[in-house]
Amino acid sequence: MSQLQYGAVCRGYTVLVSHQDPRLTENAERYLTDFLCTFSTEVDTKTSFSAGGFKFHIQVQAGMVFCCGATPEAGVRLPFLFLAELSKRFTLTSLPSRAYNAEEHEFDREFQAILKDTLDSFNSGKSGDQVEQLKSQVNDVKGIMQENIKKALDRGARMDDLVDQTENLESQSVTFRAQSGRVRRKMWLQNLKMWIIIGVVVSVVVLLIILKIAGVF
């Protein structure tokens, strides 16, 4: 047996269109109308009540009452998802503009097939699957966005590290250039001293050779 067994669109306690699982022997509509006779539909609201073995779920929207009769095992989430889809499909037609003057069950011919199709879709799990797929897609997108944000933050942290490293390298480069300049000057002076010494030694040797040739020694 289907979990969602009855659906209806009402104005106040007047049922404009409804559909009930033909396998049911209990008339869900009489329990619904009894409740709506004592229920205010002036304010948008949602509510649930039990009667005749059904769990009825009501969504009031802009003066229209969208109703679902379900088994107690259906819970709350599935019936209200059905009501949200039912109200969406109803408002996409021209029927809302005619609803305030319509007679009881006047919209059966135009909208009952859509109502039945919506009930069948939710009972088969197709619409529920679409909702779950949408939730899964939203979660996937959220996960990707969070991962991208994390990567961006990580890149930002790495950029900060690179900036610090670059500044350190620049400072070290300045220090190295200063130190290398001092080393070059020191080595140049050492080389100069060495060449002076070599020059003096060579000059002395040459002088001694000349003096020996001249017979001084």
N, C-alpha and C. Protein backbone atom coordinates (compact mmCIF):
# COMPACT_ATOMS: atom_id res chain seq x y z
N MET A 1 0.85 -1.20 0.00
CA MET A 1 0.00 0.00 0.00
C MET A 1 0.88 1.24 0.00
N SER A 2 0.46 2.26 -0.75
CA SER A 2 1.23 3.50 -0.84
C SER A 2 1.24 4.24 0.49
N GLN A 3 2.32 4.97 0.73
CA GLN A 3 2.41 5.78 1.95
C GLN A 3 1.57 7.04 1.84
N LEU A 4 1.58 7.67 0.67
CA LEU A 4 0.75 8.86 0.44
C LEU A 4 -0.52 8.40 -0.27
N GLN A 5 -1.65 8.45 0.44
CA GLN A 5 -2.87 7.81 -0.05
C GLN A 5 -3.92 8.78 -0.57
N TYR A 6 -3.77 10.04 -0.24
CA TYR A 6 -4.80 11.01 -0.61
C TYR A 6 -4.18 12.38 -0.74
N GLY A 7 -4.63 13.14 -1.73
CA GLY A 7 -4.18 14.52 -1.90
C GLY A 7 -5.34 15.40 -2.31
N ALA A 8 -5.28 16.66 -1.90
CA ALA A 8 -6.37 17.58 -2.23
C ALA A 8 -5.88 19.01 -2.22
N VAL A 9 -6.60 19.85 -3.00
CA VAL A 9 -6.40 21.30 -2.96
C VAL A 9 -7.76 21.90 -2.61
N CYS A 10 -7.77 22.74 -1.57
CA CYS A 10 -9.03 23.27 -1.06
C CYS A 10 -8.98 24.79 -0.97
N ARG A 11 -10.18 25.37 -0.94
CA ARG A 11 -10.34 26.78 -0.55
C ARG A 11 -11.21 26.77 0.69
N GLY A 12 -10.57 27.09 1.83
CA GLY A 12 -11.30 26.93 3.09
C GLY A 12 -11.61 25.45 3.29
N TYR A 13 -12.88 25.12 3.51
CA TYR A 13 -13.26 23.71 3.66
C TYR A 13 -13.87 23.13 2.38
N THR A 14 -13.81 23.91 1.29
CA THR A 14 -14.32 23.45 -0.01
C THR A 14 -13.21 22.74 -0.77
N VAL A 15 -13.41 21.47 -1.07
CA VAL A 15 -12.41 20.69 -1.81
C VAL A 15 -12.60 20.97 -3.30
N LEU A 16 -11.57 21.58 -3.92
CA LEU A 16 -11.65 21.93 -5.34
C LEU A 16 -11.20 20.80 -6.24
N VAL A 17 -10.26 20.00 -5.77
CA VAL A 17 -9.78 18.84 -6.52
C VAL A 17 -9.16 17.87 -5.52
N SER A 18 -9.35 16.57 -5.76
CA SER A 18 -8.76 15.58 -4.87
C SER A 18 -8.53 14.28 -5.62
N HIS A 19 -7.69 13.47 -5.05
CA HIS A 19 -7.48 12.11 -5.58
C HIS A 19 -7.14 11.20 -4.41
N GLN A 20 -7.76 10.01 -4.41
CA GLN A 20 -7.52 9.03 -3.37
C GLN A 20 -7.13 7.70 -4.01
N ASP A 21 -6.20 6.99 -3.37
CA ASP A 21 -5.82 5.65 -3.84
C ASP A 21 -7.09 4.80 -3.94
N PRO A 22 -7.41 4.30 -5.15
CA PRO A 22 -8.67 3.56 -5.33
C PRO A 22 -8.74 2.26 -4.54
N ARG A 23 -7.62 1.79 -4.03
CA ARG A 23 -7.62 0.55 -3.25
C ARG A 23 -8.15 0.77 -1.83
N LEU A 24 -8.27 2.03 -1.42
CA LEU A 24 -8.73 2.33 -0.06
C LEU A 24 -10.25 2.20 0.02
N THR A 25 -10.71 1.66 1.12
CA THR A 25 -12.15 1.56 1.36
C THR A 25 -12.65 2.70 2.23
N GLU A 26 -11.74 3.31 2.99
CA GLU A 26 -12.11 4.42 3.87
C GLU A 26 -12.09 5.72 3.08
N ASN A 27 -13.08 6.58 3.33
CA ASN A 27 -13.17 7.87 2.63
C ASN A 27 -12.38 8.92 3.40
N ALA A 28 -11.18 9.25 2.91
CA ALA A 28 -10.31 10.21 3.61
C ALA A 28 -10.89 11.62 3.57
N GLU A 29 -11.64 11.93 2.53
CA GLU A 29 -12.09 13.31 2.33
C GLU A 29 -13.05 13.77 3.42
N ARG A 30 -13.86 12.88 3.94
CA ARG A 30 -14.82 13.32 4.96
C ARG A 30 -14.11 13.71 6.25
N TYR A 31 -13.00 13.03 6.56
CA TYR A 31 -12.22 13.41 7.75
C TYR A 31 -11.55 14.76 7.54
N LEU A 32 -11.11 14.99 6.30
CA LEU A 32 -10.45 16.26 5.98
C LEU A 32 -11.43 17.42 6.10
N THR A 33 -12.60 17.30 5.49
CA THR A 33 -13.56 18.41 5.51
C THR A 33 -14.07 18.68 6.92
N ASP A 34 -14.23 17.63 7.72
CA ASP A 34 -14.64 17.84 9.11
C ASP A 34 -13.60 18.69 9.85
N PHE A 35 -12.34 18.42 9.59
CA PHE A 35 -11.27 19.19 10.25
C PHE A 35 -11.23 20.62 9.72
N LEU A 36 -11.34 20.79 8.40
CA LEU A 36 -11.23 22.13 7.80
C LEU A 36 -12.37 23.05 8.22
N CYS A 37 -13.50 22.48 8.57
CA CYS A 37 -14.63 23.32 9.01
C CYS A 37 -14.30 24.08 10.29
N THR A 38 -13.35 23.58 11.06
CA THR A 38 -12.98 24.23 12.33
C THR A 38 -11.57 24.82 12.28
N PHE A 39 -10.98 24.85 11.09
CA PHE A 39 -9.58 25.26 10.96
C PHE A 39 -9.49 26.59 10.20
N SER A 40 -8.75 27.55 10.76
CA SER A 40 -8.59 28.86 10.12
C SER A 40 -7.53 28.77 9.02
N THR A 41 -7.89 29.28 7.83
CA THR A 41 -6.95 29.28 6.70
C THR A 41 -6.55 30.70 6.30
N GLU A 42 -6.71 31.64 7.21
CA GLU A 42 -6.40 33.03 6.90
C GLU A 42 -4.91 33.32 6.95
N VAL A 43 -4.16 32.51 7.68
CA VAL A 43 -2.72 32.72 7.84
C VAL A 43 -1.97 31.52 7.27
N ASP A 44 -0.89 31.79 6.53
CA ASP A 44 -0.05 30.70 6.01
C ASP A 44 0.52 29.89 7.18
N THR A 45 0.32 28.59 7.12
CA THR A 45 0.79 27.73 8.21
C THR A 45 0.90 26.29 7.75
N LYS A 46 1.45 25.45 8.60
CA LYS A 46 1.52 24.01 8.35
C LYS A 46 1.07 23.30 9.62
N THR A 47 0.35 22.20 9.45
CA THR A 47 -0.09 21.44 10.61
C THR A 47 -0.36 19.99 10.20
N SER A 48 -0.55 19.15 11.20
CA SER A 48 -0.86 17.73 10.96
C SER A 48 -1.89 17.28 11.99
N PHE A 49 -2.70 16.30 11.61
CA PHE A 49 -3.65 15.72 12.56
C PHE A 49 -3.97 14.29 12.12
N SER A 50 -4.48 13.51 13.04
CA SER A 50 -4.81 12.11 12.76
C SER A 50 -6.32 11.92 12.83
N ALA A 51 -6.83 11.10 11.88
CA ALA A 51 -8.26 10.78 11.87
C ALA A 51 -8.49 9.59 10.95
N GLY A 52 -9.35 8.66 11.41
CA GLY A 52 -9.74 7.53 10.57
C GLY A 52 -8.60 6.65 10.11
N GLY A 53 -7.54 6.58 10.88
CA GLY A 53 -6.39 5.77 10.48
C GLY A 53 -5.42 6.48 9.56
N PHE A 54 -5.76 7.72 9.17
CA PHE A 54 -4.87 8.52 8.32
C PHE A 54 -4.09 9.51 9.18
N LYS A 55 -2.96 9.91 8.66
CA LYS A 55 -2.23 11.06 9.21
C LYS A 55 -2.31 12.15 8.15
N PHE A 56 -3.09 13.20 8.45
CA PHE A 56 -3.27 14.28 7.49
C PHE A 56 -2.24 15.38 7.73
N HIS A 57 -1.74 15.93 6.64
CA HIS A 57 -0.77 17.02 6.69
C HIS A 57 -1.32 18.17 5.85
N ILE A 58 -1.29 19.37 6.44
CA ILE A 58 -1.92 20.54 5.83
C ILE A 58 -0.89 21.64 5.62
N GLN A 59 -0.92 22.26 4.44
CA GLN A 59 -0.09 23.44 4.17
C GLN A 59 -0.99 24.53 3.61
N VAL A 60 -1.11 25.63 4.36
CA VAL A 60 -1.92 26.77 3.92
C VAL A 60 -0.99 27.78 3.27
N GLN A 61 -1.33 28.19 2.04
CA GLN A 61 -0.48 29.10 1.29
C GLN A 61 -1.34 30.05 0.47
N ALA A 62 -1.28 31.34 0.80
CA ALA A 62 -2.02 32.38 0.07
C ALA A 62 -3.51 32.05 -0.03
N GLY A 63 -4.09 31.56 1.05
CA GLY A 63 -5.52 31.28 1.07
C GLY A 63 -5.90 29.92 0.55
N MET A 64 -4.97 29.23 -0.10
CA MET A 64 -5.24 27.88 -0.60
C MET A 64 -4.73 26.86 0.42
N VAL A 65 -5.45 25.72 0.49
CA VAL A 65 -5.10 24.67 1.45
C VAL A 65 -4.69 23.43 0.66
N PHE A 66 -3.45 23.02 0.83
CA PHE A 66 -2.93 21.82 0.17
C PHE A 66 -2.87 20.71 1.21
N CYS A 67 -3.47 19.56 0.88
CA CYS A 67 -3.66 18.51 1.88
C CYS A 67 -3.11 17.17 1.40
N CYS A 68 -2.65 16.40 2.36
CA CYS A 68 -2.13 15.06 2.07
C CYS A 68 -2.59 14.12 3.17
N GLY A 69 -3.19 13.00 2.78
CA GLY A 69 -3.54 11.95 3.72
C GLY A 69 -2.56 10.80 3.54
N ALA A 70 -1.85 10.45 4.59
CA ALA A 70 -0.78 9.45 4.49
C ALA A 70 -0.90 8.42 5.60
N THR A 71 -0.14 7.36 5.48
CA THR A 71 -0.03 6.39 6.57
C THR A 71 0.84 7.00 7.67
N PRO A 72 0.65 6.59 8.91
CA PRO A 72 1.52 7.11 9.98
C PRO A 72 2.99 6.81 9.74
N GLU A 73 3.28 5.71 9.02
CA GLU A 73 4.66 5.32 8.76
C GLU A 73 5.36 6.26 7.78
N ALA A 74 4.60 7.08 7.07
CA ALA A 74 5.19 7.99 6.08
C ALA A 74 6.00 9.10 6.73
N GLY A 75 5.77 9.31 8.03
CA GLY A 75 6.49 10.38 8.71
C GLY A 75 5.95 11.75 8.34
N VAL A 76 6.82 12.75 8.45
CA VAL A 76 6.41 14.13 8.18
C VAL A 76 7.11 14.70 6.95
N ARG A 77 8.37 14.36 6.79
CA ARG A 77 9.18 14.96 5.73
C ARG A 77 8.60 14.70 4.34
N LEU A 78 8.31 13.43 4.02
CA LEU A 78 7.82 13.07 2.69
C LEU A 78 6.49 13.75 2.36
N PRO A 79 5.48 13.71 3.25
CA PRO A 79 4.22 14.39 2.94
C PRO A 79 4.38 15.89 2.68
N PHE A 80 5.23 16.57 3.46
CA PHE A 80 5.38 18.01 3.24
C PHE A 80 6.20 18.31 1.99
N LEU A 81 7.11 17.42 1.61
CA LEU A 81 7.77 17.58 0.31
C LEU A 81 6.75 17.45 -0.81
N PHE A 82 5.85 16.50 -0.66
CA PHE A 82 4.77 16.34 -1.64
C PHE A 82 3.91 17.60 -1.71
N LEU A 83 3.54 18.16 -0.56
CA LEU A 83 2.70 19.36 -0.54
C LEU A 83 3.41 20.55 -1.18
N ALA A 84 4.71 20.66 -0.97
CA ALA A 84 5.47 21.75 -1.58
C ALA A 84 5.45 21.62 -3.10
N GLU A 85 5.62 20.39 -3.60
CA GLU A 85 5.58 20.16 -5.05
C GLU A 85 4.17 20.37 -5.60
N LEU A 86 3.17 19.93 -4.85
CA LEU A 86 1.78 20.10 -5.28
C LEU A 86 1.42 21.58 -5.40
N SER A 87 1.80 22.38 -4.39
CA SER A 87 1.50 23.82 -4.44
C SER A 87 2.24 24.49 -5.60
N LYS A 88 3.46 24.02 -5.87
CA LYS A 88 4.24 24.58 -6.99
C LYS A 88 3.54 24.31 -8.31
N ARG A 89 3.10 23.06 -8.52
CA ARG A 89 2.44 22.71 -9.77
C ARG A 89 1.10 23.42 -9.91
N PHE A 90 0.40 23.57 -8.81
CA PHE A 90 -0.91 24.23 -8.86
C PHE A 90 -0.77 25.70 -9.23
N THR A 91 0.21 26.38 -8.64
CA THR A 91 0.37 27.82 -8.90
C THR A 91 0.91 28.10 -10.30
N LEU A 92 1.44 27.08 -10.98
CA LEU A 92 1.92 27.27 -12.35
C LEU A 92 0.77 27.24 -13.36
N THR A 93 -0.42 26.89 -12.91
CA THR A 93 -1.59 26.86 -13.79
C THR A 93 -2.39 28.16 -13.64
N SER A 94 -3.48 28.24 -14.38
CA SER A 94 -4.37 29.41 -14.27
C SER A 94 -5.43 29.23 -13.19
N LEU A 95 -5.39 28.10 -12.51
CA LEU A 95 -6.44 27.77 -11.54
C LEU A 95 -6.48 28.69 -10.33
N PRO A 96 -5.34 29.16 -9.78
CA PRO A 96 -5.44 30.02 -8.59
C PRO A 96 -6.31 31.25 -8.79
N SER A 97 -6.31 31.81 -9.99
CA SER A 97 -7.11 33.02 -10.24
C SER A 97 -8.60 32.70 -10.26
N ARG A 98 -8.96 31.44 -10.45
CA ARG A 98 -10.37 31.04 -10.49
C ARG A 98 -10.82 30.36 -9.20
N ALA A 99 -9.85 30.12 -8.30
CA ALA A 99 -10.14 29.30 -7.13
C ALA A 99 -11.16 29.93 -6.19
N TYR A 100 -11.17 31.25 -6.08
CA TYR A 100 -12.02 31.91 -5.08
C TYR A 100 -13.50 31.85 -5.43
N ASN A 101 -13.82 31.56 -6.69
CA ASN A 101 -15.23 31.46 -7.08
C ASN A 101 -15.59 30.05 -7.54
N ALA A 102 -14.66 29.11 -7.42
CA ALA A 102 -14.88 27.76 -7.93
C ALA A 102 -15.79 26.95 -7.02
N GLU A 103 -16.52 26.02 -7.64
CA GLU A 103 -17.39 25.13 -6.88
C GLU A 103 -16.61 23.89 -6.42
N GLU A 104 -17.26 23.11 -5.57
CA GLU A 104 -16.63 21.89 -5.06
C GLU A 104 -16.28 20.94 -6.21
N HIS A 105 -15.02 20.49 -6.22
CA HIS A 105 -14.48 19.55 -7.22
C HIS A 105 -14.54 20.10 -8.64
N GLU A 106 -14.59 21.40 -8.78
CA GLU A 106 -14.64 22.01 -10.12
C GLU A 106 -13.34 21.78 -10.90
N PHE A 107 -12.22 21.61 -10.18
CA PHE A 107 -10.92 21.47 -10.86
C PHE A 107 -10.50 20.01 -11.10
N ASP A 108 -11.41 19.07 -10.79
CA ASP A 108 -11.05 17.65 -10.97
C ASP A 108 -10.65 17.36 -12.42
N ARG A 109 -11.41 17.86 -13.36
CA ARG A 109 -11.16 17.56 -14.77
C ARG A 109 -9.82 18.12 -15.23
N GLU A 110 -9.44 19.30 -14.71
CA GLU A 110 -8.22 19.97 -15.19
C GLU A 110 -6.97 19.60 -14.39
N PHE A 111 -7.13 19.27 -13.12
CA PHE A 111 -5.94 19.11 -12.29
C PHE A 111 -5.82 17.75 -11.60
N GLN A 112 -6.85 16.93 -11.64
CA GLN A 112 -6.79 15.67 -10.91
C GLN A 112 -5.68 14.75 -11.43
N ALA A 113 -5.47 14.76 -12.75
CA ALA A 113 -4.41 13.92 -13.33
C ALA A 113 -3.03 14.37 -12.84
N ILE A 114 -2.85 15.68 -12.72
CA ILE A 114 -1.57 16.20 -12.21
C ILE A 114 -1.40 15.83 -10.75
N LEU A 115 -2.48 15.92 -9.99
CA LEU A 115 -2.45 15.55 -8.57
C LEU A 115 -2.08 14.07 -8.41
N LYS A 116 -2.71 13.22 -9.22
CA LYS A 116 -2.42 11.78 -9.17
C LYS A 116 -0.97 11.50 -9.56
N ASP A 117 -0.50 12.18 -10.60
CA ASP A 117 0.89 11.98 -11.05
C ASP A 117 1.88 12.38 -9.97
N THR A 118 1.57 13.47 -9.26
CA THR A 118 2.46 13.92 -8.18
C THR A 118 2.48 12.91 -7.03
N LEU A 119 1.31 12.40 -6.68
CA LEU A 119 1.24 11.35 -5.64
C LEU A 119 2.03 10.11 -6.06
N ASP A 120 1.83 9.68 -7.30
CA ASP A 120 2.53 8.48 -7.79
C ASP A 120 4.04 8.67 -7.79
N SER A 121 4.49 9.87 -8.16
CA SER A 121 5.93 10.14 -8.21
C SER A 121 6.56 10.02 -6.83
N PHE A 122 5.89 10.57 -5.84
CA PHE A 122 6.44 10.52 -4.48
C PHE A 122 6.31 9.12 -3.88
N ASN A 123 5.25 8.41 -4.21
CA ASN A 123 5.10 7.04 -3.71
C ASN A 123 6.11 6.09 -4.34
N SER A 124 6.50 6.36 -5.58
CA SER A 124 7.48 5.50 -6.26
C SER A 124 8.90 5.81 -5.83
N GLY A 125 9.09 6.93 -5.13
CA GLY A 125 10.43 7.30 -4.67
C GLY A 125 11.20 8.15 -5.65
N LYS A 126 10.64 8.41 -6.85
CA LYS A 126 11.38 9.18 -7.86
C LYS A 126 11.63 10.60 -7.38
N SER A 127 10.60 11.25 -6.88
CA SER A 127 10.79 12.64 -6.43
C SER A 127 11.67 12.69 -5.20
N GLY A 128 11.53 11.69 -4.31
CA GLY A 128 12.40 11.63 -3.14
C GLY A 128 13.84 11.48 -3.55
N ASP A 129 14.09 10.63 -4.60
CA ASP A 129 15.45 10.46 -5.10
C ASP A 129 16.00 11.76 -5.63
N GLN A 130 15.16 12.52 -6.33
CA GLN A 130 15.61 13.81 -6.87
C GLN A 130 15.99 14.75 -5.76
N VAL A 131 15.21 14.74 -4.68
CA VAL A 131 15.54 15.60 -3.54
C VAL A 131 16.88 15.20 -2.94
N GLU A 132 17.06 13.87 -2.77
CA GLU A 132 18.32 13.39 -2.19
C GLU A 132 19.49 13.69 -3.11
N GLN A 133 19.28 13.55 -4.43
CA GLN A 133 20.34 13.86 -5.39
C GLN A 133 20.69 15.34 -5.31
N LEU A 134 19.66 16.18 -5.21
CA LEU A 134 19.91 17.62 -5.10
C LEU A 134 20.69 17.93 -3.83
N LYS A 135 20.30 17.31 -2.71
CA LYS A 135 21.03 17.52 -1.46
C LYS A 135 22.47 17.05 -1.59
N SER A 136 22.64 15.89 -2.25
CA SER A 136 24.00 15.37 -2.45
C SER A 136 24.83 16.31 -3.30
N GLN A 137 24.21 16.86 -4.38
CA GLN A 137 24.92 17.80 -5.25
C GLN A 137 25.30 19.06 -4.48
N VAL A 138 24.37 19.55 -3.65
CA VAL A 138 24.66 20.74 -2.85
C VAL A 138 25.82 20.47 -1.90
N ASN A 139 25.80 19.28 -1.26
CA ASN A 139 26.89 18.92 -0.35
C ASN A 139 28.21 18.79 -1.09
N ASP A 140 28.16 18.23 -2.33
CA ASP A 140 29.39 18.11 -3.12
C ASP A 140 29.96 19.48 -3.46
N VAL A 141 29.06 20.39 -3.90
CA VAL A 141 29.51 21.74 -4.25
C VAL A 141 30.07 22.44 -3.02
N LYS A 142 29.39 22.26 -1.87
CA LYS A 142 29.87 22.88 -0.63
C LYS A 142 31.25 22.34 -0.26
N GLY A 143 31.43 21.01 -0.43
CA GLY A 143 32.73 20.42 -0.14
C GLY A 143 33.83 20.95 -1.04
N ILE A 144 33.50 21.10 -2.34
CA ILE A 144 34.49 21.63 -3.29
C ILE A 144 34.85 23.07 -2.94
N MET A 145 33.84 23.87 -2.59
CA MET A 145 34.09 25.26 -2.22
C MET A 145 34.96 25.35 -0.97
N GLN A 146 34.67 24.50 0.01
CA GLN A 146 35.47 24.50 1.24
C GLN A 146 36.91 24.09 0.94
N GLU A 147 37.08 23.10 0.05
CA GLU A 147 38.43 22.66 -0.31
C GLU A 147 39.18 23.76 -1.05
N ASN A 148 38.45 24.47 -1.96
CA ASN A 148 39.08 25.57 -2.69
C ASN A 148 39.49 26.70 -1.75
N ILE A 149 38.63 26.99 -0.77
CA ILE A 149 38.96 28.04 0.21
C ILE A 149 40.18 27.63 1.02
N LYS A 150 40.22 26.35 1.42
CA LYS A 150 41.37 25.85 2.19
C LYS A 150 42.66 25.97 1.37
N LYS A 151 42.56 25.58 0.09
CA LYS A 151 43.74 25.67 -0.77
C LYS A 151 44.18 27.12 -0.94
N ALA A 152 43.18 28.02 -1.10
CA ALA A 152 43.50 29.43 -1.26
C ALA A 152 44.19 29.97 -0.01
N LEU A 153 43.68 29.56 1.16
CA LEU A 153 44.31 29.99 2.41
C LEU A 153 45.72 29.42 2.53
N ASP A 154 45.87 28.15 2.12
CA ASP A 154 47.20 27.54 2.15
C ASP A 154 48.15 28.27 1.22
N ARG A 155 47.64 28.61 0.02
CA ARG A 155 48.48 29.36 -0.92
C ARG A 155 48.84 30.72 -0.36
N GLY A 156 47.87 31.34 0.33
CA GLY A 156 48.15 32.63 0.96
C GLY A 156 49.24 32.51 2.01
N ALA A 157 49.17 31.42 2.80
CA ALA A 157 50.20 31.19 3.83
C ALA A 157 51.55 30.95 3.17
N ARG A 158 51.55 30.17 2.08
CA ARG A 158 52.81 29.91 1.39
C ARG A 158 53.37 31.19 0.77
N MET A 159 52.48 32.03 0.26
CA MET A 159 52.93 33.31 -0.30
C MET A 159 53.58 34.16 0.78
N ASP A 160 52.98 34.16 1.98
CA ASP A 160 53.59 34.91 3.09
C ASP A 160 54.97 34.35 3.41
N ASP A 161 55.09 33.02 3.40
CA ASP A 161 56.40 32.40 3.65
C ASP A 161 57.40 32.79 2.58
N LEU A 162 56.94 32.79 1.32
CA LEU A 162 57.85 33.15 0.22
C LEU A 162 58.31 34.60 0.33
N VAL A 163 57.37 35.48 0.73
CA VAL A 163 57.74 36.89 0.91
C VAL A 163 58.81 37.01 1.99
N ASP A 164 58.59 36.30 3.12
CA ASP A 164 59.58 36.34 4.20
C ASP A 164 60.92 35.78 3.73
N GLN A 165 60.89 34.68 2.99
CA GLN A 165 62.12 34.08 2.50
C GLN A 165 62.84 35.01 1.53
N THR A 166 62.04 35.68 0.67
CA THR A 166 62.63 36.63 -0.29
C THR A 166 63.31 37.78 0.43
N GLU A 167 62.64 38.30 1.46
CA GLU A 167 63.23 39.39 2.23
C GLU A 167 64.51 38.93 2.92
N ASN A 168 64.49 37.69 3.45
CA ASN A 168 65.70 37.16 4.09
C ASN A 168 66.83 37.00 3.09
N LEU A 169 66.49 36.51 1.89
CA LEU A 169 67.51 36.34 0.85
C LEU A 169 68.10 37.68 0.43
N GLU A 170 67.22 38.69 0.31
CA GLU A 170 67.72 40.02 -0.06
C GLU A 170 68.67 40.54 1.01
N SER A 171 68.31 40.35 2.29
CA SER A 171 69.17 40.80 3.38
C SER A 171 70.50 40.06 3.37
N GLN A 172 70.41 38.73 3.15
CA GLN A 172 71.64 37.94 3.09
C GLN A 172 72.50 38.33 1.89
N SER A 173 71.83 38.68 0.78
CA SER A 173 72.57 39.08 -0.41
C SER A 173 73.35 40.37 -0.17
N VAL A 174 72.71 41.33 0.51
CA VAL A 174 73.40 42.59 0.83
C VAL A 174 74.60 42.31 1.73
N THR A 175 74.38 41.47 2.74
CA THR A 175 75.49 41.12 3.65
C THR A 175 76.61 40.41 2.90
N PHE A 176 76.24 39.50 2.00
CA PHE A 176 77.24 38.76 1.23
C PHE A 176 78.05 39.71 0.34
N ARG A 177 77.35 40.65 -0.31
CA ARG A 177 78.06 41.59 -1.18
C ARG A 177 79.04 42.44 -0.38
N ALA A 178 78.60 42.86 0.81
CA ALA A 178 79.50 43.67 1.64
C ALA A 178 80.71 42.84 2.09
N GLN A 179 80.45 41.61 2.50
CA GLN A 179 81.55 40.75 2.94
C GLN A 179 82.48 40.41 1.79
N SER A 180 81.92 40.12 0.62
CA SER A 180 82.76 39.77 -0.53
C SER A 180 83.60 40.96 -0.96
N GLY A 181 83.07 42.18 -0.81
CA GLY A 181 83.86 43.38 -1.14
C GLY A 181 85.06 43.52 -0.22
N ARG A 182 84.82 43.26 1.07
CA ARG A 182 85.93 43.35 2.02
C ARG A 182 86.97 42.26 1.73
N VAL A 183 86.50 41.07 1.40
CA VAL A 183 87.43 39.97 1.09
C VAL A 183 88.25 40.29 -0.14
N ARG A 184 87.59 40.85 -1.18
CA ARG A 184 88.33 41.20 -2.40
C ARG A 184 89.41 42.25 -2.10
N ARG A 185 89.06 43.26 -1.31
CA ARG A 185 90.05 44.29 -0.97
C ARG A 185 91.22 43.69 -0.18
N LYS A 186 90.89 42.80 0.75
CA LYS A 186 91.94 42.17 1.56
C LYS A 186 92.86 41.33 0.68
N MET A 187 92.24 40.56 -0.24
CA MET A 187 93.06 39.73 -1.12
C MET A 187 93.90 40.59 -2.06
N TRP A 188 93.32 41.73 -2.51
CA TRP A 188 94.08 42.63 -3.41
C TRP A 188 95.30 43.20 -2.69
N LEU A 189 95.10 43.58 -1.41
CA LEU A 189 96.23 44.10 -0.63
C LEU A 189 97.29 43.02 -0.41
N GLN A 190 96.80 41.79 -0.14
CA GLN A 190 97.76 40.70 0.05
C GLN A 190 98.54 40.42 -1.23
N ASN A 191 97.85 40.45 -2.35
CA ASN A 191 98.52 40.25 -3.64
C ASN A 191 99.53 41.37 -3.92
N LEU A 192 99.12 42.61 -3.57
CA LEU A 192 100.01 43.76 -3.79
C LEU A 192 101.28 43.60 -2.96
N LYS A 193 101.09 43.23 -1.69
CA LYS A 193 102.26 43.03 -0.82
C LYS A 193 103.17 41.93 -1.39
N MET A 194 102.52 40.85 -1.87
CA MET A 194 103.31 39.74 -2.40
C MET A 194 104.11 40.18 -3.62
N TRP A 195 103.51 40.96 -4.51
CA TRP A 195 104.22 41.42 -5.71
C TRP A 195 105.33 42.42 -5.35
N ILE A 196 105.08 43.21 -4.34
CA ILE A 196 106.14 44.14 -3.89
C ILE A 196 107.33 43.35 -3.37
N ILE A 197 107.03 42.32 -2.55
CA ILE A 197 108.11 41.49 -2.01
C ILE A 197 108.86 40.79 -3.14
N ILE A 198 108.10 40.22 -4.08
CA ILE A 198 108.73 39.55 -5.22
C ILE A 198 109.59 40.53 -6.01
N GLY A 199 109.06 41.75 -6.19
CA GLY A 199 109.81 42.78 -6.93
C GLY A 199 111.11 43.13 -6.23
N VAL A 200 111.03 43.26 -4.91
CA VAL A 200 112.24 43.61 -4.13
C VAL A 200 113.26 42.49 -4.24
N VAL A 201 112.78 41.23 -4.07
CA VAL A 201 113.69 40.07 -4.14
C VAL A 201 114.35 39.99 -5.51
N VAL A 202 113.54 40.14 -6.56
CA VAL A 202 114.09 40.08 -7.93
C VAL A 202 115.11 41.19 -8.14
N SER A 203 114.78 42.37 -7.64
CA SER A 203 115.71 43.51 -7.79
C SER A 203 117.02 43.24 -7.09
N VAL A 204 116.97 42.68 -5.89
CA VAL A 204 118.19 42.37 -5.13
C VAL A 204 119.02 41.33 -5.87
N VAL A 205 118.35 40.29 -6.39
CA VAL A 205 119.06 39.23 -7.12
C VAL A 205 119.74 39.79 -8.35
N VAL A 206 118.99 40.61 -9.10
CA VAL A 206 119.57 41.22 -10.31
C VAL A 206 120.76 42.10 -9.95
N LEU A 207 120.63 42.87 -8.85
CA LEU A 207 121.73 43.76 -8.42
C LEU A 207 122.96 42.94 -8.04
N LEU A 208 122.76 41.83 -7.35
CA LEU A 208 123.89 40.97 -6.96
C LEU A 208 124.58 40.38 -8.18
N ILE A 209 123.79 39.97 -9.17
CA ILE A 209 124.36 39.41 -10.40
C ILE A 209 125.20 40.46 -11.11
N ILE A 210 124.67 41.68 -11.19
CA ILE A 210 125.40 42.77 -11.88
C ILE A 210 126.70 43.07 -11.15
N LEU A 211 126.64 43.13 -9.84
CA LEU A 211 127.84 43.44 -9.04
C LEU A 211 128.89 42.34 -9.21
N LYS A 212 128.46 41.08 -9.28
CA LYS A 212 129.40 39.98 -9.44
C LYS A 212 130.08 40.04 -10.80
N ILE A 213 129.27 40.35 -11.83
CA ILE A 213 129.84 40.46 -13.18
C ILE A 213 130.84 41.61 -13.24
N ALA A 214 130.51 42.65 -12.53
CA ALA A 214 131.39 43.83 -12.54
C ALA A 214 132.66 43.59 -11.75
N GLY A 215 132.77 42.47 -11.07
CA GLY A 215 133.96 42.16 -10.33
C GLY A 215 134.03 42.78 -8.97
N VAL A 216 132.89 43.22 -8.55
CA VAL A 216 132.89 43.84 -7.21
C VAL A 216 133.14 42.76 -6.17
N PHE A 217 132.64 41.53 -6.44
CA PHE A 217 132.85 40.43 -5.47
C PHE A 217 133.99 39.55 -5.94
